[in-house]
C-alpha atoms as a PDB file:
ATOM      1  CA  MET A   1     -21.297  22.492 -10.821  1.00  0.00           C
ATOM      2  CA  SER A   2     -20.282  19.379  -9.749  1.00  0.00           C
ATOM      3  CA  THR A   3     -20.626  18.394  -5.662  1.00  0.00           C
ATOM      4  CA  TYR A   4     -17.886  16.844  -3.754  1.00  0.00           C
ATOM      5  CA  VAL A   5     -18.091  14.536  -1.139  1.00  0.00           C
ATOM      6  CA  TYR A   6     -16.518  14.409   1.969  1.00  0.00           C
ATOM      7  CA  ALA A   7     -18.260  11.418   3.942  1.00  0.00           C
ATOM      8  CA  ILE A   8     -21.753  10.217   4.999  1.00  0.00           C
ATOM      9  CA  THR A   9     -23.033  10.374   8.224  1.00  0.00           C
ATOM     10  CA  GLY A  10     -26.580  10.027  10.160  1.00  0.00           C
ATOM     11  CA  ALA A  11     -28.939  12.578  10.191  1.00  0.00           C
ATOM     12  CA  ASP A  12     -28.239  13.063  14.445  1.00  0.00           C
ATOM     13  CA  HIS A  13     -24.707  13.675  13.854  1.00  0.00           C
ATOM     14  CA  PRO A  14     -23.996  17.321  14.926  1.00  0.00           C
ATOM     15  CA  LEU A  15     -22.376  18.442  11.787  1.00  0.00           C
ATOM     16  CA  ARG A  16     -20.097  21.442  13.276  1.00  0.00           C
ATOM     17  CA  LEU A  17     -19.119  22.563   9.840  1.00  0.00           C
ATOM     18  CA  ASP A  18     -19.015  26.429  10.176  1.00  0.00           C
ATOM     19  CA  ASP A  19     -15.027  25.903  11.767  1.00  0.00           C
ATOM     20  CA  LEU A  20     -14.407  23.539   8.622  1.00  0.00           C
ATOM     21  CA  HIS A  21     -13.473  24.463   5.048  1.00  0.00           C
ATOM     22  CA  GLY A  22     -13.319  22.423   1.733  1.00  0.00           C
ATOM     23  CA  VAL A  23     -11.107  21.956  -1.359  1.00  0.00           C
ATOM     24  CA  GLY A  24     -10.233  24.392  -3.477  1.00  0.00           C
ATOM     25  CA  ASP A  25      -8.284  28.021  -3.598  1.00  0.00           C
ATOM     26  CA  PRO A  26      -9.870  29.723  -1.981  1.00  0.00           C
ATOM     27  CA  PRO A  27     -11.421  26.886   0.147  1.00  0.00           C
ATOM     28  CA  SER A  28     -15.022  25.768  -0.629  1.00  0.00           C
ATOM     29  CA  PRO A  29     -17.866  26.353   1.792  1.00  0.00           C
ATOM     30  CA  LEU A  30     -19.072  23.138   3.125  1.00  0.00           C
ATOM     31  CA  ARG A  31     -23.070  22.179   3.966  1.00  0.00           C
ATOM     32  CA  ALA A  32     -24.951  18.942   4.118  1.00  0.00           C
ATOM     33  CA  VAL A  33     -27.462  17.172   1.896  1.00  0.00           C
ATOM     34  CA  THR A  34     -29.722  15.501   4.365  1.00  0.00           C
ATOM     35  CA  THR A  35     -32.537  12.901   3.990  1.00  0.00           C
ATOM     36  CA  ASP A  36     -34.607  11.765   7.815  1.00  0.00           C
ATOM     37  CA  THR A  37     -31.849   9.331   8.759  1.00  0.00           C
ATOM     38  CA  VAL A  38     -28.533   9.836   6.395  1.00  0.00           C
ATOM     39  CA  ALA A  39     -26.335  12.921   5.567  1.00  0.00           C
ATOM     40  CA  ALA A  40     -23.377  13.993   2.997  1.00  0.00           C
ATOM     41  CA  VAL A  41     -21.084  16.369   3.944  1.00  0.00           C
ATOM     42  CA  VAL A  42     -20.511  18.386   0.538  1.00  0.00           C
ATOM     43  CA  SER A  43     -18.946  21.410  -0.749  1.00  0.00           C
ATOM     44  CA  ASP A  44     -19.191  22.808  -4.482  1.00  0.00           C
ATOM     45  CA  ALA A  45     -16.534  20.642  -6.490  1.00  0.00           C
ATOM     46  CA  PRO A  46     -14.173  23.571  -7.872  1.00  0.00           C
ATOM     47  CA  PRO A  47     -12.885  23.078 -11.897  1.00  0.00           C
ATOM     48  CA  GLY A  48      -9.795  20.746 -12.352  1.00  0.00           C
ATOM     49  CA  LEU A  49      -9.539  19.375  -8.857  1.00  0.00           C
ATOM     50  CA  ARG A  50      -5.972  17.146  -8.537  1.00  0.00           C
ATOM     51  CA  ALA A  51      -4.802  15.876  -5.361  1.00  0.00           C
ATOM     52  CA  LYS A  52      -2.809  18.317  -4.050  1.00  0.00           C
ATOM     53  CA  ARG A  53      -1.427  18.795  -0.830  1.00  0.00           C
ATOM     54  CA  ARG A  54      -3.651  22.195   0.405  1.00  0.00           C
ATOM     55  CA  ASP A  55      -6.779  20.087  -0.710  1.00  0.00           C
ATOM     56  CA  VAL A  56      -5.815  15.957   0.507  1.00  0.00           C
ATOM     57  CA  THR A  57      -5.404  17.582   3.982  1.00  0.00           C
ATOM     58  CA  ALA A  58      -8.488  20.382   3.761  1.00  0.00           C
ATOM     59  CA  HIS A  59      -9.840  16.985   2.649  1.00  0.00           C
ATOM     60  CA  GLU A  60      -8.730  14.695   5.800  1.00  0.00           C
ATOM     61  CA  ARG A  61      -9.254  17.599   8.460  1.00  0.00           C
ATOM     62  CA  VAL A  62     -13.147  17.669   7.408  1.00  0.00           C
ATOM     63  CA  LEU A  63     -13.052  13.678   8.040  1.00  0.00           C
ATOM     64  CA  GLU A  64     -10.761  13.763  10.875  1.00  0.00           C
ATOM     65  CA  ALA A  65     -13.448  16.740  12.709  1.00  0.00           C
ATOM     66  CA  LEU A  66     -17.235  14.595  11.885  1.00  0.00           C
ATOM     67  CA  MET A  67     -15.444  11.309  13.591  1.00  0.00           C
ATOM     68  CA  ALA A  68     -13.997  13.151  16.534  1.00  0.00           C
ATOM     69  CA  ASP A  69     -18.383  14.102  16.923  1.00  0.00           C
ATOM     70  CA  GLY A  70     -19.872  10.494  15.922  1.00  0.00           C
ATOM     71  CA  ALA A  71     -20.020   7.708  13.588  1.00  0.00           C
ATOM     72  CA  THR A  72     -18.833   8.655  10.215  1.00  0.00           C
ATOM     73  CA  LEU A  73     -18.302   6.821   6.485  1.00  0.00           C
ATOM     74  CA  PRO A  74     -15.015   8.820   4.922  1.00  0.00           C
ATOM     75  CA  MET A  75     -15.338   9.196   1.729  1.00  0.00           C
ATOM     76  CA  ARG A  76     -11.556   8.929  -0.727  1.00  0.00           C
ATOM     77  CA  PHE A  77     -10.425  11.918  -2.005  1.00  0.00           C
ATOM     78  CA  GLY A  78     -12.087  12.896  -5.337  1.00  0.00           C
ATOM     79  CA  LEU A  79     -15.361  11.292  -5.111  1.00  0.00           C
ATOM     80  CA  LEU A  80     -17.891  13.857  -7.215  1.00  0.00           C
ATOM     81  CA  GLY A  81     -21.665  13.401  -7.609  1.00  0.00           C
ATOM     82  CA  PRO A  82     -23.536  15.721 -10.762  1.00  0.00           C
ATOM     83  CA  ASP A  83     -25.420  17.955  -8.330  1.00  0.00           C
ATOM     84  CA  ASP A  84     -27.206  17.908  -4.560  1.00  0.00           C
ATOM     85  CA  GLU A  85     -29.550  16.489  -5.895  1.00  0.00           C
ATOM     86  CA  ARG A  86     -28.835  13.283  -7.132  1.00  0.00           C
ATOM     87  CA  VAL A  87     -26.580  13.091  -4.271  1.00  0.00           C
ATOM     88  CA  ALA A  88     -30.121  13.400  -1.662  1.00  0.00           C
ATOM     89  CA  GLU A  89     -31.669  10.509  -4.316  1.00  0.00           C
ATOM     90  CA  VAL A  90     -29.070   7.722  -3.940  1.00  0.00           C
ATOM     91  CA  LEU A  91     -28.347   8.980   0.101  1.00  0.00           C
ATOM     92  CA  GLY A  92     -32.096   7.913   0.222  1.00  0.00           C
ATOM     93  CA  ARG A  93     -32.320   4.635  -1.972  1.00  0.00           C
ATOM     94  CA  ASP A  94     -29.207   2.891   0.184  1.00  0.00           C
ATOM     95  CA  ALA A  95     -29.936   4.580   3.418  1.00  0.00           C
ATOM     96  CA  PRO A  96     -30.474   1.212   5.400  1.00  0.00           C
ATOM     97  CA  ALA A  97     -27.291   0.233   3.868  1.00  0.00           C
ATOM     98  CA  TYR A  98     -25.225   3.635   5.010  1.00  0.00           C
ATOM     99  CA  ARG A  99     -27.236   2.740   8.605  1.00  0.00           C
ATOM    100  CA  LYS A 100     -25.853  -0.385   8.926  1.00  0.00           C
ATOM    101  CA  ARG A 101     -22.627   0.423   8.066  1.00  0.00           C
ATOM    102  CA  LEU A 102     -22.531   3.432  10.230  1.00  0.00           C
ATOM    103  CA  THR A 103     -23.359   0.911  13.247  1.00  0.00           C
ATOM    104  CA  GLU A 104     -20.785  -1.294  12.484  1.00  0.00           C
ATOM    105  CA  LEU A 105     -18.126   1.904  12.385  1.00  0.00           C
ATOM    106  CA  GLU A 106     -18.861   3.898  14.831  1.00  0.00           C
ATOM    107  CA  GLY A 107     -16.186   4.280  17.397  1.00  0.00           C
ATOM    108  CA  HIS A 108     -13.505   2.130  15.053  1.00  0.00           C
ATOM    109  CA  VAL A 109     -10.312   3.662  13.613  1.00  0.00           C
ATOM    110  CA  GLU A 110      -8.283   1.929  10.762  1.00  0.00           C
ATOM    111  CA  TYR A 111      -4.583   0.747  11.023  1.00  0.00           C
ATOM    112  CA  HIS A 112      -3.078  -0.187   8.276  1.00  0.00           C
ATOM    113  CA  LEU A 113      -0.164  -2.685   8.285  1.00  0.00           C
ATOM    114  CA  LYS A 114       2.466  -4.167   5.860  1.00  0.00           C
ATOM    115  CA  ALA A 115       5.254  -6.655   6.448  1.00  0.00           C
ATOM    116  CA  ALA A 116       8.296  -7.338   3.994  1.00  0.00           C
ATOM    117  CA  ARG A 117      10.609  -9.474   4.648  1.00  0.00           C
ATOM    118  CA  ASP A 118      14.950  -9.722   3.986  1.00  0.00           C
ATOM    119  CA  GLU A 119      15.107 -11.364   1.319  1.00  0.00           C
ATOM    120  CA  LYS A 120      19.047 -12.452   1.750  1.00  0.00           C
ATOM    121  CA  ASP A 121      17.238 -14.382   5.058  1.00  0.00           C
ATOM    122  CA  LEU A 122      14.780 -15.735   3.550  1.00  0.00           C
ATOM    123  CA  LEU A 123      16.946 -16.963   0.712  1.00  0.00           C
ATOM    124  CA  ILE A 124      19.316 -18.716   3.593  1.00  0.00           C
ATOM    125  CA  GLU A 125      15.772 -20.314   5.057  1.00  0.00           C
ATOM    126  CA  ILE A 126      15.043 -21.880   1.051  1.00  0.00           C
ATOM    127  CA  MET A 127      18.181 -23.224   1.543  1.00  0.00           C
ATOM    128  CA  ALA A 128      18.139 -24.961   4.147  1.00  0.00           C
ATOM    129  CA  GLN A 129      14.903 -26.447   4.406  1.00  0.00           C
ATOM    130  CA  SER A 130      14.551 -27.453   0.731  1.00  0.00           C
ATOM    131  CA  GLU A 131      17.182 -30.167  -0.657  1.00  0.00           C
ATOM    132  CA  ARG A 132      15.768 -30.294  -4.214  1.00  0.00           C
ATOM    133  CA  ALA A 133      17.021 -26.059  -4.182  1.00  0.00           C
ATOM    134  CA  ARG A 134      20.151 -27.066  -2.895  1.00  0.00           C
ATOM    135  CA  GLU A 135      20.425 -29.681  -5.983  1.00  0.00           C
ATOM    136  CA  LEU A 136      19.610 -27.574  -8.499  1.00  0.00           C
ATOM    137  CA  ASN A 137      22.332 -24.749  -6.767  1.00  0.00           C
ATOM    138  CA  GLN A 138      24.964 -26.979  -6.748  1.00  0.00           C
ATOM    139  CA  ARG A 139      24.093 -28.036 -10.490  1.00  0.00           C
ATOM    140  CA  THR A 140      24.088 -24.512 -11.356  1.00  0.00           C
ATOM    141  CA  ARG A 141      27.642 -23.170  -9.700  1.00  0.00           C
ATOM    142  CA  SER A 142      29.529 -26.651 -10.571  1.00  0.00           C
ATOM    143  CA  ASP A 143      28.002 -26.281 -14.353  1.00  0.00           C
ATOM    144  CA  PRO A 144      27.821 -22.970 -15.921  1.00  0.00           C
ATOM    145  CA  GLY A 145      25.738 -24.706 -19.048  1.00  0.00           C
ATOM    146  CA  ALA A 146      23.109 -25.708 -16.963  1.00  0.00           C
ATOM    147  CA  HIS A 147      20.448 -23.370 -18.208  1.00  0.00           C
ATOM    148  CA  ASP A 148      17.417 -25.525 -17.505  1.00  0.00           C
ATOM    149  CA  GLU A 149      18.616 -26.050 -13.579  1.00  0.00           C
ATOM    150  CA  ARG A 150      19.050 -22.374 -13.567  1.00  0.00           C
ATOM    151  CA  ILE A 151      15.340 -21.710 -15.164  1.00  0.00           C
ATOM    152  CA  ALA A 152      14.488 -24.285 -12.419  1.00  0.00           C
ATOM    153  CA  LEU A 153      15.786 -23.076  -9.849  1.00  0.00           C
ATOM    154  CA  GLY A 154      14.293 -19.703 -10.217  1.00  0.00           C
ATOM    155  CA  GLU A 155      11.058 -20.710 -10.374  1.00  0.00           C
ATOM    156  CA  LEU A 156      11.707 -23.298  -7.245  1.00  0.00           C
ATOM    157  CA  VAL A 157      12.500 -19.723  -5.360  1.00  0.00           C
ATOM    158  CA  ALA A 158      10.274 -18.010  -6.425  1.00  0.00           C
ATOM    159  CA  GLN A 159       7.305 -20.684  -5.481  1.00  0.00           C
ATOM    160  CA  GLU A 160       8.789 -21.059  -2.044  1.00  0.00           C
ATOM    161  CA  VAL A 161       8.427 -16.721  -1.671  1.00  0.00           C
ATOM    162  CA  ALA A 162       4.946 -16.693  -2.107  1.00  0.00           C
ATOM    163  CA  ALA A 163       4.041 -20.194  -0.710  1.00  0.00           C
ATOM    164  CA  ARG A 164       6.008 -18.561   2.733  1.00  0.00           C
ATOM    165  CA  GLY A 165       4.807 -15.265   2.503  1.00  0.00           C
ATOM    166  CA  ASP A 166       1.009 -16.408   2.218  1.00  0.00           C
ATOM    167  CA  ALA A 167       1.938 -18.662   4.986  1.00  0.00           C
ATOM    168  CA  GLN A 168       3.044 -15.986   7.222  1.00  0.00           C
ATOM    169  CA  ALA A 169       0.433 -13.683   5.714  1.00  0.00           C
ATOM    170  CA  GLU A 170      -2.261 -15.630   7.190  1.00  0.00           C
ATOM    171  CA  GLU A 171      -0.575 -16.253  10.518  1.00  0.00           C
ATOM    172  CA  THR A 172      -0.001 -12.909  11.108  1.00  0.00           C
ATOM    173  CA  VAL A 173      -3.105 -11.849  10.688  1.00  0.00           C
ATOM    174  CA  LYS A 174      -5.025 -14.585  12.444  1.00  0.00           C
ATOM    175  CA  ARG A 175      -2.828 -13.544  15.401  1.00  0.00           C
ATOM    176  CA  LEU A 176      -3.558  -9.870  15.131  1.00  0.00           C
ATOM    177  CA  LEU A 177      -7.237 -10.182  14.700  1.00  0.00           C
ATOM    178  CA  PRO A 178      -8.347 -10.937  18.239  1.00  0.00           C
ATOM    179  CA  ALA A 179      -6.698  -7.373  18.762  1.00  0.00           C
ATOM    180  CA  ALA A 180      -9.657  -6.003  15.887  1.00  0.00           C
ATOM    181  CA  SER A 181     -12.853  -6.133  14.868  1.00  0.00           C
ATOM    182  CA  ARG A 182     -12.198  -6.975  11.423  1.00  0.00           C
ATOM    183  CA  ALA A 183      -9.475  -7.142   9.011  1.00  0.00           C
ATOM    184  CA  SER A 184      -9.268  -6.185   5.036  1.00  0.00           C
ATOM    185  CA  ARG A 185      -6.520  -8.109   3.114  1.00  0.00           C
ATOM    186  CA  GLY A 186      -4.606  -6.413   0.286  1.00  0.00           C
ATOM    187  CA  GLU A 187      -2.548  -8.029  -2.745  1.00  0.00           C
ATOM    188  CA  PRO A 188       0.902  -8.036  -1.647  1.00  0.00           C
ATOM    189  CA  GLY A 189       3.120  -6.377  -3.410  1.00  0.00           C
ATOM    190  CA  ALA A 190       6.810  -7.364  -5.213  1.00  0.00           C
ATOM    191  CA  THR A 191       8.476  -5.895  -1.648  1.00  0.00           C
ATOM    192  CA  HIS A 192       6.188  -6.967   0.972  1.00  0.00           C
ATOM    193  CA  PHE A 193       3.942 -10.149   1.584  1.00  0.00           C
ATOM    194  CA  LEU A 194       1.552  -8.904   3.892  1.00  0.00           C
ATOM    195  CA  ASN A 195      -0.479  -5.595   3.031  1.00  0.00           C
ATOM    196  CA  VAL A 196      -3.576  -5.281   5.418  1.00  0.00           C
ATOM    197  CA  SER A 197      -6.161  -3.059   6.963  1.00  0.00           C
ATOM    198  CA  PHE A 198      -7.789  -3.282  10.544  1.00  0.00           C
ATOM    199  CA  LEU A 199     -10.831  -2.405  12.110  1.00  0.00           C
ATOM    200  CA  VAL A 200     -10.138  -1.458  15.628  1.00  0.00           C
ATOM    201  CA  PRO A 201     -11.938   0.185  18.216  1.00  0.00           C
ATOM    202  CA  ALA A 202     -10.254   3.542  18.962  1.00  0.00           C
ATOM    203  CA  GLU A 203     -10.584   2.595  23.044  1.00  0.00           C
ATOM    204  CA  SER A 204      -8.190  -0.254  22.030  1.00  0.00           C
ATOM    205  CA  THR A 205      -5.743   1.675  19.472  1.00  0.00           C
ATOM    206  CA  ASP A 206      -2.656   1.011  22.365  1.00  0.00           C
ATOM    207  CA  ALA A 207      -3.876  -2.274  22.754  1.00  0.00           C
ATOM    208  CA  PHE A 208      -3.178  -3.533  19.149  1.00  0.00           C
ATOM    209  CA  VAL A 209      -0.308  -1.345  18.575  1.00  0.00           C
ATOM    210  CA  GLY A 210       1.168  -3.501  21.655  1.00  0.00           C
ATOM    211  CA  ALA A 211      -0.185  -6.820  19.227  1.00  0.00           C
ATOM    212  CA  VAL A 212       1.626  -5.025  16.529  1.00  0.00           C
ATOM    213  CA  ARG A 213       4.819  -4.783  18.175  1.00  0.00           C
ATOM    214  CA  GLU A 214       5.155  -8.220  19.862  1.00  0.00           C
ATOM    215  CA  GLU A 215       4.374  -9.950  16.534  1.00  0.00           C
ATOM    216  CA  ALA A 216       7.348  -8.144  15.107  1.00  0.00           C
ATOM    217  CA  ASP A 217       9.341  -8.850  18.480  1.00  0.00           C
ATOM    218  CA  ARG A 218       8.206 -13.172  18.039  1.00  0.00           C
ATOM    219  CA  LEU A 219       9.545 -12.718  13.894  1.00  0.00           C
ATOM    220  CA  GLY A 220      13.093 -11.073  14.429  1.00  0.00           C
ATOM    221  CA  GLU A 221      15.310  -8.669  12.517  1.00  0.00           C
ATOM    222  CA  GLY A 222      14.516 -10.881   9.151  1.00  0.00           C
ATOM    223  CA  TYR A 223      10.998  -8.790   9.241  1.00  0.00           C
ATOM    224  CA  SER A 224       9.907  -5.654   8.685  1.00  0.00           C
ATOM    225  CA  PHE A 225       6.741  -3.925  10.134  1.00  0.00           C
ATOM    226  CA  THR A 226       5.649  -0.270   8.569  1.00  0.00           C
ATOM    227  CA  LEU A 227       1.851   0.505  10.426  1.00  0.00           C
ATOM    228  CA  THR A 228      -0.150   3.459   9.866  1.00  0.00           C
ATOM    229  CA  GLY A 229      -2.981   4.794  11.446  1.00  0.00           C
ATOM    230  CA  PRO A 230      -4.987   5.233  13.434  1.00  0.00           C
ATOM    231  CA  LEU A 231      -7.177   6.359   9.687  1.00  0.00           C
ATOM    232  CA  PRO A 232     -10.587   7.223   9.020  1.00  0.00           C
ATOM    233  CA  PRO A 233     -11.781   3.714   7.994  1.00  0.00           C
ATOM    234  CA  TYR A 234     -11.838   3.888   4.447  1.00  0.00           C
ATOM    235  CA  SER A 235     -11.032   0.226   3.810  1.00  0.00           C
ATOM    236  CA  PHE A 236     -14.397  -0.993   5.833  1.00  0.00           C
ATOM    237  CA  VAL A 237     -16.696   2.013   4.257  1.00  0.00           C
END
């Protein structure tokens, strides 16, 4: 049977697993695969495992309990190893890298931030600030057959939206980084220009959340921020 891996910790972690249970129905008992310096919290992997609410919740509760007792490298839901022996082999081979990362993440949590710009508000800004956009817009309004101008306007607006989103994302991350230890940028989506995770000291979460509120207030009603956390530091493992 495959081995399901929840997290990696130091070998000196308390690993209080007796009151926890793993994924599966019935829940799988937890155990530790250990080396001299690091350990992996694992269980048997149930057949046909899928991301059902019950199992995702069980996975997250194990991580929360481990993190409460010490530095933990959280694994994402569904990570499997062939067996305990193979997990132990990987732990032993990569132990120095795991110890280094455990030191970096100790006492930290993750916050994930997405930000979007109101489309109408952004288009008004582009038209106000771009003479070329205003010219093309006027031609398409006055001439229904101005096909080339309509394409050019669409391309120009798309370029402006991307450039302004990139610039604002860079500025927002720069303003928030003093309240965090690190940031990990993700790709923006169709509906948001900013997609970033922050590694934040656990004792500084209130200050970080306050900094995000200040940034949202500074940008105003044309922007919407979605902040999720605190989370296990998945993005920094």
